[in-house]
Amino acid sequence: MTTPGTRVSTQADFPKLAVYERSGPHGKIASIVFTNTESNEGWRSELVALVAIVGIIIFFAGVFSLPQIAPGGVVAAWWIFAGTGLIVFIWKFGRPRKIERTIELDFGADTIRVLRNGKPEIQRQLSRLANLTLDVHPEAEYYREKRLQKGEKALTLREREHCLFGWFGAGGAERVLLVSRLEWPSQQSLFEVRQAILWAIQRAAGPGAPDIVNEPQPTRSGGLNPPLE
């Protein structure tokens, strides 16, 4: 992963993230670096489930077969070490994970990038960014209705997520989910990430630029989301 550069923010500015600056091929790059709690999704969740199923099969195969071919000490050791290993795997990889997230603002290349563990996931034209807002996950209501139809009380993962959205294009016509955080009850902690992005943009604009950091945040998605300027 490319070094984020020189830290330009303090803990007093943003307690749970850091803003860095460095020189890139096209000019200054600002990096907002933070740790994000996320659930296992897609191929990751399927891989964890597959390994867990295979592990359970191997564990019980040993439980039933070892007593026929091995002494009692070996059987006891299998119960202890194999069982503990299986539990630790499910606990470590089956639960939400802490992911290193970076949002890069490449001012020279006019690009905003969202990275996951150093690998780019989302890329858009920075000058087309009209606004940044917070809201629940777009699929939260769908999963809530589905859960209620089944009579389940436990909230789904989607209902426990909140998201940072970027609005791009003319008037902010395209809504892009930049980062989703698993956090219940929601503390709207991605607001700090939003403010750090705006702070880095205003810092790059220099003295005399309009104050976009302290503008009031628009209401949630029940209404329109006006542009930053």
C-alpha atoms as a PDB file:
ATOM      1  CA  MET A   1       0.000   0.000   0.000  1.00  0.00           C
ATOM      2  CA  THR A   2       1.268   3.490  -0.824  1.00  0.00           C
ATOM      3  CA  THR A   3       2.310   5.480   2.221  1.00  0.00           C
ATOM      4  CA  PRO A   4      -0.429   7.993   3.118  1.00  0.00           C
ATOM      5  CA  GLY A   5       2.134  10.772   3.519  1.00  0.00           C
ATOM      6  CA  THR A   6       2.323  13.443   6.217  1.00  0.00           C
ATOM      7  CA  ARG A   7      -0.442  13.635   8.782  1.00  0.00           C
ATOM      8  CA  VAL A   8      -2.141  17.043   8.652  1.00  0.00           C
ATOM      9  CA  SER A   9      -4.993  16.467  11.120  1.00  0.00           C
ATOM     10  CA  THR A  10      -4.812  16.044  14.881  1.00  0.00           C
ATOM     11  CA  GLN A  11      -6.806  13.883  17.265  1.00  0.00           C
ATOM     12  CA  ALA A  12      -8.565  17.055  18.376  1.00  0.00           C
ATOM     13  CA  ASP A  13      -9.735  17.584  14.789  1.00  0.00           C
ATOM     14  CA  PHE A  14     -10.928  14.012  14.191  1.00  0.00           C
ATOM     15  CA  PRO A  15     -10.661  11.607  17.150  1.00  0.00           C
ATOM     16  CA  LYS A  16     -11.210   8.357  15.221  1.00  0.00           C
ATOM     17  CA  LEU A  17      -9.480   8.982  11.908  1.00  0.00           C
ATOM     18  CA  ALA A  18      -6.454  10.681  10.389  1.00  0.00           C
ATOM     19  CA  VAL A  19      -6.013  12.895   7.337  1.00  0.00           C
ATOM     20  CA  TYR A  20      -2.736  12.679   5.426  1.00  0.00           C
ATOM     21  CA  GLU A  21      -1.297  14.558   2.458  1.00  0.00           C
ATOM     22  CA  ARG A  22       1.320  13.522  -0.092  1.00  0.00           C
ATOM     23  CA  SER A  23       2.451  14.482  -3.578  1.00  0.00           C
ATOM     24  CA  GLY A  24       1.171  12.265  -6.393  1.00  0.00           C
ATOM     25  CA  PRO A  25       1.951  12.093 -10.120  1.00  0.00           C
ATOM     26  CA  HIS A  26      -0.642  14.782 -10.841  1.00  0.00           C
ATOM     27  CA  GLY A  27      -0.441  16.867  -7.683  1.00  0.00           C
ATOM     28  CA  LYS A  28      -1.564  16.794  -4.075  1.00  0.00           C
ATOM     29  CA  ILE A  29      -3.409  13.721  -2.705  1.00  0.00           C
ATOM     30  CA  ALA A  30      -5.307  13.807   0.585  1.00  0.00           C
ATOM     31  CA  SER A  31      -6.047  10.489   2.329  1.00  0.00           C
ATOM     32  CA  ILE A  32      -8.701  10.003   4.992  1.00  0.00           C
ATOM     33  CA  VAL A  33      -7.715   6.824   6.860  1.00  0.00           C
ATOM     34  CA  PHE A  34      -9.952   5.038   9.373  1.00  0.00           C
ATOM     35  CA  THR A  35     -11.048   1.642  10.665  1.00  0.00           C
ATOM     36  CA  ASN A  36     -14.539   0.524   9.672  1.00  0.00           C
ATOM     37  CA  THR A  37     -16.681  -2.251  11.164  1.00  0.00           C
ATOM     38  CA  GLU A  38     -18.171  -4.349   8.359  1.00  0.00           C
ATOM     39  CA  SER A  39     -19.990  -7.647   7.996  1.00  0.00           C
ATOM     40  CA  ASN A  40     -18.773 -10.499   5.823  1.00  0.00           C
ATOM     41  CA  GLU A  41     -20.656 -10.352   2.545  1.00  0.00           C
ATOM     42  CA  GLY A  42     -20.630 -11.944  -0.888  1.00  0.00           C
ATOM     43  CA  TRP A  43     -17.893 -14.467  -1.566  1.00  0.00           C
ATOM     44  CA  ARG A  44     -16.294 -13.765   1.810  1.00  0.00           C
ATOM     45  CA  SER A  45     -19.339 -14.916   3.771  1.00  0.00           C
ATOM     46  CA  GLU A  46     -19.768 -17.914   1.466  1.00  0.00           C
ATOM     47  CA  LEU A  47     -16.126 -18.903   1.942  1.00  0.00           C
ATOM     48  CA  VAL A  48     -16.381 -18.624   5.730  1.00  0.00           C
ATOM     49  CA  ALA A  49     -19.570 -20.710   5.721  1.00  0.00           C
ATOM     50  CA  LEU A  50     -17.976 -23.355   3.461  1.00  0.00           C
ATOM     51  CA  VAL A  51     -14.859 -23.669   5.618  1.00  0.00           C
ATOM     52  CA  ALA A  52     -16.998 -23.842   8.765  1.00  0.00           C
ATOM     53  CA  ILE A  53     -19.162 -26.627   7.293  1.00  0.00           C
ATOM     54  CA  VAL A  54     -16.102 -28.603   6.177  1.00  0.00           C
ATOM     55  CA  GLY A  55     -14.535 -28.092   9.610  1.00  0.00           C
ATOM     56  CA  ILE A  56     -17.670 -29.338  11.377  1.00  0.00           C
ATOM     57  CA  ILE A  57     -17.784 -32.439   9.156  1.00  0.00           C
ATOM     58  CA  ILE A  58     -14.103 -33.200   9.821  1.00  0.00           C
ATOM     59  CA  PHE A  59     -14.542 -32.623  13.550  1.00  0.00           C
ATOM     60  CA  PHE A  60     -17.465 -35.043  13.902  1.00  0.00           C
ATOM     61  CA  ALA A  61     -15.801 -37.557  11.587  1.00  0.00           C
ATOM     62  CA  GLY A  62     -12.919 -37.611  14.040  1.00  0.00           C
ATOM     63  CA  VAL A  63     -15.280 -37.814  17.026  1.00  0.00           C
ATOM     64  CA  PHE A  64     -16.960 -40.964  15.667  1.00  0.00           C
ATOM     65  CA  SER A  65     -13.975 -42.675  14.026  1.00  0.00           C
ATOM     66  CA  LEU A  66     -11.068 -42.031  16.387  1.00  0.00           C
ATOM     67  CA  PRO A  67     -12.441 -44.105  19.316  1.00  0.00           C
ATOM     68  CA  GLN A  68     -12.270 -47.169  17.023  1.00  0.00           C
ATOM     69  CA  ILE A  69      -8.618 -46.728  16.023  1.00  0.00           C
ATOM     70  CA  ALA A  70      -6.898 -44.555  18.624  1.00  0.00           C
ATOM     71  CA  PRO A  71      -6.342 -44.562  22.403  1.00  0.00           C
ATOM     72  CA  GLY A  72      -8.413 -42.397  24.712  1.00  0.00           C
ATOM     73  CA  GLY A  73      -5.721 -39.710  25.005  1.00  0.00           C
ATOM     74  CA  VAL A  74      -5.820 -39.068  21.276  1.00  0.00           C
ATOM     75  CA  VAL A  75      -9.608 -38.806  21.346  1.00  0.00           C
ATOM     76  CA  ALA A  76      -9.489 -36.318  24.242  1.00  0.00           C
ATOM     77  CA  ALA A  77      -6.842 -34.255  22.450  1.00  0.00           C
ATOM     78  CA  TRP A  78      -9.000 -34.204  19.313  1.00  0.00           C
ATOM     79  CA  TRP A  79     -11.964 -32.904  21.284  1.00  0.00           C
ATOM     80  CA  ILE A  80      -9.859 -30.168  22.878  1.00  0.00           C
ATOM     81  CA  PHE A  81      -7.720 -28.942  19.983  1.00  0.00           C
ATOM     82  CA  ALA A  82     -10.028 -29.542  17.013  1.00  0.00           C
ATOM     83  CA  GLY A  83     -13.081 -28.272  18.884  1.00  0.00           C
ATOM     84  CA  THR A  84     -11.263 -25.178  20.123  1.00  0.00           C
ATOM     85  CA  GLY A  85      -9.856 -24.473  16.667  1.00  0.00           C
ATOM     86  CA  LEU A  86     -13.307 -24.708  15.084  1.00  0.00           C
ATOM     87  CA  ILE A  87     -14.857 -22.395  17.688  1.00  0.00           C
ATOM     88  CA  VAL A  88     -12.046 -19.843  17.326  1.00  0.00           C
ATOM     89  CA  PHE A  89     -12.387 -19.870  13.512  1.00  0.00           C
ATOM     90  CA  ILE A  90     -16.144 -19.290  13.606  1.00  0.00           C
ATOM     91  CA  TRP A  91     -15.752 -16.567  16.266  1.00  0.00           C
ATOM     92  CA  LYS A  92     -12.946 -14.771  14.434  1.00  0.00           C
ATOM     93  CA  PHE A  93     -14.135 -14.934  10.825  1.00  0.00           C
ATOM     94  CA  GLY A  94     -17.901 -15.271  11.226  1.00  0.00           C
ATOM     95  CA  ARG A  95     -18.394 -12.027  13.113  1.00  0.00           C
ATOM     96  CA  PRO A  96     -18.098  -8.426  11.846  1.00  0.00           C
ATOM     97  CA  ARG A  97     -14.539  -7.392  11.044  1.00  0.00           C
ATOM     98  CA  LYS A  98     -12.466  -4.266  11.416  1.00  0.00           C
ATOM     99  CA  ILE A  99     -11.486  -3.150   7.913  1.00  0.00           C
ATOM    100  CA  GLU A 100      -8.938  -0.476   7.056  1.00  0.00           C
ATOM    101  CA  ARG A 101     -10.630   2.077   4.835  1.00  0.00           C
ATOM    102  CA  THR A 102      -9.035   4.958   2.966  1.00  0.00           C
ATOM    103  CA  ILE A 103     -10.763   7.686   0.985  1.00  0.00           C
ATOM    104  CA  GLU A 104      -8.303   9.362  -1.370  1.00  0.00           C
ATOM    105  CA  LEU A 105      -8.866  12.782  -2.860  1.00  0.00           C
ATOM    106  CA  ASP A 106      -6.536  13.086  -5.833  1.00  0.00           C
ATOM    107  CA  PHE A 107      -6.930  16.755  -6.660  1.00  0.00           C
ATOM    108  CA  GLY A 108      -4.551  16.750  -9.628  1.00  0.00           C
ATOM    109  CA  ALA A 109      -6.251  13.791 -11.280  1.00  0.00           C
ATOM    110  CA  ASP A 110      -9.722  15.046 -10.242  1.00  0.00           C
ATOM    111  CA  THR A 111     -10.517  11.680  -8.652  1.00  0.00           C
ATOM    112  CA  ILE A 112     -12.037  10.408  -5.418  1.00  0.00           C
ATOM    113  CA  ARG A 113     -11.212   6.792  -4.561  1.00  0.00           C
ATOM    114  CA  VAL A 114     -12.544   4.520  -1.823  1.00  0.00           C
ATOM    115  CA  LEU A 115     -10.083   1.791  -0.832  1.00  0.00           C
ATOM    116  CA  ARG A 116     -10.628  -1.363   1.202  1.00  0.00           C
ATOM    117  CA  ASN A 117      -7.460  -2.672   2.832  1.00  0.00           C
ATOM    118  CA  GLY A 118      -5.468  -0.644   0.312  1.00  0.00           C
ATOM    119  CA  LYS A 119      -7.354  -1.887  -2.771  1.00  0.00           C
ATOM    120  CA  PRO A 120      -9.582   0.551  -4.743  1.00  0.00           C
ATOM    121  CA  GLU A 121     -13.294  -0.325  -4.752  1.00  0.00           C
ATOM    122  CA  ILE A 122     -14.975   2.877  -5.930  1.00  0.00           C
ATOM    123  CA  GLN A 123     -13.688   5.687  -8.130  1.00  0.00           C
ATOM    124  CA  ARG A 124     -15.475   8.824  -9.288  1.00  0.00           C
ATOM    125  CA  GLN A 125     -14.665  12.269 -10.650  1.00  0.00           C
ATOM    126  CA  LEU A 126     -14.053  14.530  -7.670  1.00  0.00           C
ATOM    127  CA  SER A 127     -15.276  17.720  -9.341  1.00  0.00           C
ATOM    128  CA  ARG A 128     -18.639  16.019  -9.949  1.00  0.00           C
ATOM    129  CA  LEU A 129     -19.190  15.503  -6.208  1.00  0.00           C
ATOM    130  CA  ALA A 130     -22.229  17.602  -5.309  1.00  0.00           C
ATOM    131  CA  ASN A 131     -22.852  16.443  -1.748  1.00  0.00           C
ATOM    132  CA  LEU A 132     -22.183  13.931   1.026  1.00  0.00           C
ATOM    133  CA  THR A 133     -25.001  12.602   3.198  1.00  0.00           C
ATOM    134  CA  LEU A 134     -25.648   9.927   5.827  1.00  0.00           C
ATOM    135  CA  ASP A 135     -28.558   7.518   5.799  1.00  0.00           C
ATOM    136  CA  VAL A 136     -29.594   3.957   6.559  1.00  0.00           C
ATOM    137  CA  HIS A 137     -28.611   1.231   4.115  1.00  0.00           C
ATOM    138  CA  PRO A 138     -30.700   1.296   0.896  1.00  0.00           C
ATOM    139  CA  GLU A 139     -31.771  -2.314   1.469  1.00  0.00           C
ATOM    140  CA  ALA A 140     -32.666  -1.872   5.154  1.00  0.00           C
ATOM    141  CA  GLU A 141     -36.414  -1.475   4.589  1.00  0.00           C
ATOM    142  CA  TYR A 142     -36.542  -4.504   2.288  1.00  0.00           C
ATOM    143  CA  TYR A 143     -34.880  -6.738   4.873  1.00  0.00           C
ATOM    144  CA  ARG A 144     -37.048  -5.276   7.635  1.00  0.00           C
ATOM    145  CA  GLU A 145     -40.253  -6.155   5.767  1.00  0.00           C
ATOM    146  CA  LYS A 146     -38.902  -9.594   4.972  1.00  0.00           C
ATOM    147  CA  ARG A 147     -38.012 -10.153   8.652  1.00  0.00           C
ATOM    148  CA  LEU A 148     -41.434  -8.998   9.863  1.00  0.00           C
ATOM    149  CA  GLN A 149     -43.183 -11.331   7.420  1.00  0.00           C
ATOM    150  CA  LYS A 150     -41.286 -14.226   8.991  1.00  0.00           C
ATOM    151  CA  GLY A 151     -42.112 -13.019  12.504  1.00  0.00           C
ATOM    152  CA  GLU A 152     -38.451 -12.550  13.429  1.00  0.00           C
ATOM    153  CA  LYS A 153     -37.518  -9.956  16.039  1.00  0.00           C
ATOM    154  CA  ALA A 154     -33.730  -9.817  15.641  1.00  0.00           C
ATOM    155  CA  LEU A 155     -32.546  -7.018  13.396  1.00  0.00           C
ATOM    156  CA  THR A 156     -30.821  -8.003  10.169  1.00  0.00           C
ATOM    157  CA  LEU A 157     -27.323  -6.793   9.325  1.00  0.00           C
ATOM    158  CA  ARG A 158     -28.713  -4.301   6.805  1.00  0.00           C
ATOM    159  CA  GLU A 159     -30.918  -2.737   9.487  1.00  0.00           C
ATOM    160  CA  ARG A 160     -27.875  -2.266  11.714  1.00  0.00           C
ATOM    161  CA  GLU A 161     -25.846  -0.445   9.064  1.00  0.00           C
ATOM    162  CA  HIS A 162     -25.614   3.231   8.229  1.00  0.00           C
ATOM    163  CA  CYS A 163     -23.952   4.618   5.155  1.00  0.00           C
ATOM    164  CA  LEU A 164     -22.056   7.562   3.738  1.00  0.00           C
ATOM    165  CA  PHE A 165     -23.351   8.503   0.289  1.00  0.00           C
ATOM    166  CA  GLY A 166     -21.711  10.661  -2.341  1.00  0.00           C
ATOM    167  CA  TRP A 167     -23.961  12.514  -4.771  1.00  0.00           C
ATOM    168  CA  PHE A 168     -22.354  12.994  -8.181  1.00  0.00           C
ATOM    169  CA  GLY A 169     -23.243  14.558 -11.512  1.00  0.00           C
ATOM    170  CA  ALA A 170     -25.496  17.452 -12.446  1.00  0.00           C
ATOM    171  CA  GLY A 171     -27.254  18.548  -9.270  1.00  0.00           C
ATOM    172  CA  GLY A 172     -26.121  15.377  -7.521  1.00  0.00           C
ATOM    173  CA  ALA A 173     -28.328  13.075  -9.588  1.00  0.00           C
ATOM    174  CA  GLU A 174     -26.276   9.903  -8.973  1.00  0.00           C
ATOM    175  CA  ARG A 175     -26.186   8.539  -5.432  1.00  0.00           C
ATOM    176  CA  VAL A 176     -23.172   6.330  -4.719  1.00  0.00           C
ATOM    177  CA  LEU A 177     -22.734   4.318  -1.518  1.00  0.00           C
ATOM    178  CA  LEU A 178     -19.164   5.124  -0.486  1.00  0.00           C
ATOM    179  CA  VAL A 179     -18.884   3.404   2.904  1.00  0.00           C
ATOM    180  CA  SER A 180     -21.240   1.276   4.987  1.00  0.00           C
ATOM    181  CA  ARG A 181     -20.655   0.813   8.729  1.00  0.00           C
ATOM    182  CA  LEU A 182     -22.142  -1.840  10.998  1.00  0.00           C
ATOM    183  CA  GLU A 183     -23.141   0.074  14.121  1.00  0.00           C
ATOM    184  CA  TRP A 184     -26.136  -0.504  16.360  1.00  0.00           C
ATOM    185  CA  PRO A 185     -27.532   1.538  17.897  1.00  0.00           C
ATOM    186  CA  SER A 186     -26.359   3.956  15.255  1.00  0.00           C
ATOM    187  CA  GLN A 187     -24.141   6.787  16.484  1.00  0.00           C
ATOM    188  CA  GLN A 188     -23.916   8.272  12.974  1.00  0.00           C
ATOM    189  CA  SER A 189     -20.152   7.976  13.411  1.00  0.00           C
ATOM    190  CA  LEU A 190     -19.577   8.205   9.650  1.00  0.00           C
ATOM    191  CA  PHE A 191     -20.379  11.886  10.056  1.00  0.00           C
ATOM    192  CA  GLU A 192     -16.749  12.293  11.159  1.00  0.00           C
ATOM    193  CA  VAL A 193     -15.625  10.768   7.853  1.00  0.00           C
ATOM    194  CA  ARG A 194     -17.908  13.148   5.958  1.00  0.00           C
ATOM    195  CA  GLN A 195     -16.496  16.159   7.761  1.00  0.00           C
ATOM    196  CA  ALA A 196     -12.920  15.000   7.177  1.00  0.00           C
ATOM    197  CA  ILE A 197     -13.545  14.780   3.424  1.00  0.00           C
ATOM    198  CA  LEU A 198     -14.994  18.284   3.355  1.00  0.00           C
ATOM    199  CA  TRP A 199     -12.155  19.556   5.542  1.00  0.00           C
ATOM    200  CA  ALA A 200      -9.549  18.110   3.166  1.00  0.00           C
ATOM    201  CA  ILE A 201     -11.323  19.637   0.148  1.00  0.00           C
ATOM    202  CA  GLN A 202     -11.494  23.056   1.805  1.00  0.00           C
ATOM    203  CA  ARG A 203      -7.862  22.790   2.905  1.00  0.00           C
ATOM    204  CA  ALA A 204      -6.825  22.128  -0.711  1.00  0.00           C
ATOM    205  CA  ALA A 205      -8.922  25.073  -1.912  1.00  0.00           C
ATOM    206  CA  GLY A 206      -6.888  27.404   0.283  1.00  0.00           C
ATOM    207  CA  PRO A 207      -7.696  30.591   2.223  1.00  0.00           C
ATOM    208  CA  GLY A 208     -10.813  32.450   1.212  1.00  0.00           C
ATOM    209  CA  ALA A 209     -12.671  29.315   0.020  1.00  0.00           C
ATOM    210  CA  PRO A 210     -16.351  28.986   1.009  1.00  0.00           C
ATOM    211  CA  ASP A 211     -16.879  27.255   4.359  1.00  0.00           C
ATOM    212  CA  ILE A 212     -18.340  23.881   3.384  1.00  0.00           C
ATOM    213  CA  VAL A 213     -17.257  22.052   6.554  1.00  0.00           C
ATOM    214  CA  ASN A 214     -19.669  23.826   8.884  1.00  0.00           C
ATOM    215  CA  GLU A 215     -22.680  23.935   6.588  1.00  0.00           C
ATOM    216  CA  PRO A 216     -25.692  22.160   8.148  1.00  0.00           C
ATOM    217  CA  GLN A 217     -26.114  18.595   6.946  1.00  0.00           C
ATOM    218  CA  PRO A 218     -29.163  17.997   4.727  1.00  0.00           C
ATOM    219  CA  THR A 219     -32.069  15.946   6.055  1.00  0.00           C
ATOM    220  CA  ARG A 220     -32.242  12.194   5.511  1.00  0.00           C
ATOM    221  CA  SER A 221     -33.430  10.671   2.283  1.00  0.00           C
ATOM    222  CA  GLY A 222     -37.048  11.570   2.844  1.00  0.00           C
ATOM    223  CA  GLY A 223     -36.330  14.789   0.932  1.00  0.00           C
ATOM    224  CA  LEU A 224     -33.944  16.358  -1.520  1.00  0.00           C
ATOM    225  CA  ASN A 225     -30.238  16.558  -0.845  1.00  0.00           C
ATOM    226  CA  PRO A 226     -29.017  19.992  -1.963  1.00  0.00           C
ATOM    227  CA  PRO A 227     -25.498  20.481  -3.299  1.00  0.00           C
ATOM    228  CA  LEU A 228     -22.610  21.670  -1.161  1.00  0.00           C
ATOM    229  CA  GLU A 229     -22.458  25.061  -2.864  1.00  0.00           C
END
